[in-house]
């Protein structure tokens, strides 16, 4: 397992977001076989994507 602290940003039309998060990756034979993404503010990210 690999854990990475990240910062990501995006724009979609007039909306924008910028936040921290954590990505967790499971590797097998040097390749990513599973990945989980955790954002710092799930409600804000869902609103950005229109969910």
Protein backbone atom coordinates (compact mmCIF):
# COMPACT_ATOMS: atom_id res chain seq x y z
CA UNK A 1 0.00 0.00 0.00
CA UNK A 2 1.11 3.52 -0.78
CA UNK A 3 -0.42 6.62 0.77
CA UNK A 4 0.07 10.05 -0.83
CA UNK A 5 -0.96 13.41 0.59
CA UNK A 6 -2.14 15.52 -2.35
CA UNK A 7 -3.50 18.93 -3.28
CA UNK A 8 -5.77 19.21 -6.29
CA UNK A 9 -7.64 21.97 -8.08
CA UNK A 10 -10.07 22.21 -10.95
CA UNK A 11 -12.35 24.50 -12.92
CA UNK A 12 -15.69 23.60 -14.46
CA UNK A 13 -17.55 26.45 -16.13
CA UNK A 14 -17.74 29.23 -13.54
CA UNK A 15 -17.09 26.84 -10.63
CA UNK A 16 -13.68 26.12 -9.16
CA UNK A 17 -12.30 24.07 -6.30
CA UNK A 18 -8.98 23.65 -4.58
CA UNK A 19 -8.45 21.27 -1.66
CA UNK A 20 -6.21 18.74 0.00
CA UNK A 21 -6.79 15.02 -0.02
CA UNK A 22 -5.24 11.60 0.41
CA UNK A 23 -4.83 8.90 -2.24
CA UNK A 24 -4.31 5.27 -1.19
CA UNK A 25 -2.96 2.87 -3.80
CA UNK A 26 -2.57 -0.90 -3.73
CA UNK A 27 0.24 -2.15 -5.91
CA UNK A 28 0.83 -5.60 -7.36
CA UNK A 29 3.89 -6.46 -9.44
CA UNK A 30 4.77 -2.76 -9.65
CA UNK A 31 1.35 -1.74 -11.02
CA UNK A 32 -1.58 0.05 -9.42
CA UNK A 33 -4.41 -2.47 -9.05
CA UNK A 34 -6.71 -0.51 -6.72
CA UNK A 35 -6.98 3.14 -5.73
CA UNK A 36 -9.05 5.03 -3.18
CA UNK A 37 -9.37 8.83 -3.24
CA UNK A 38 -10.28 10.85 -0.15
CA UNK A 39 -10.95 14.58 -0.49
CA UNK A 40 -10.67 17.04 2.38
CA UNK A 41 -14.24 18.28 1.84
CA UNK A 42 -16.53 15.69 0.29
CA UNK A 43 -19.58 17.99 0.32
CA UNK A 44 -17.73 20.75 -1.59
CA UNK A 45 -16.31 18.26 -4.09
CA UNK A 46 -19.74 16.72 -4.72
CA UNK A 47 -21.19 20.22 -5.25
CA UNK A 48 -18.41 20.99 -7.74
CA UNK A 49 -19.20 17.85 -9.76
CA UNK A 50 -22.95 18.50 -9.57
CA UNK A 51 -23.83 15.57 -7.31
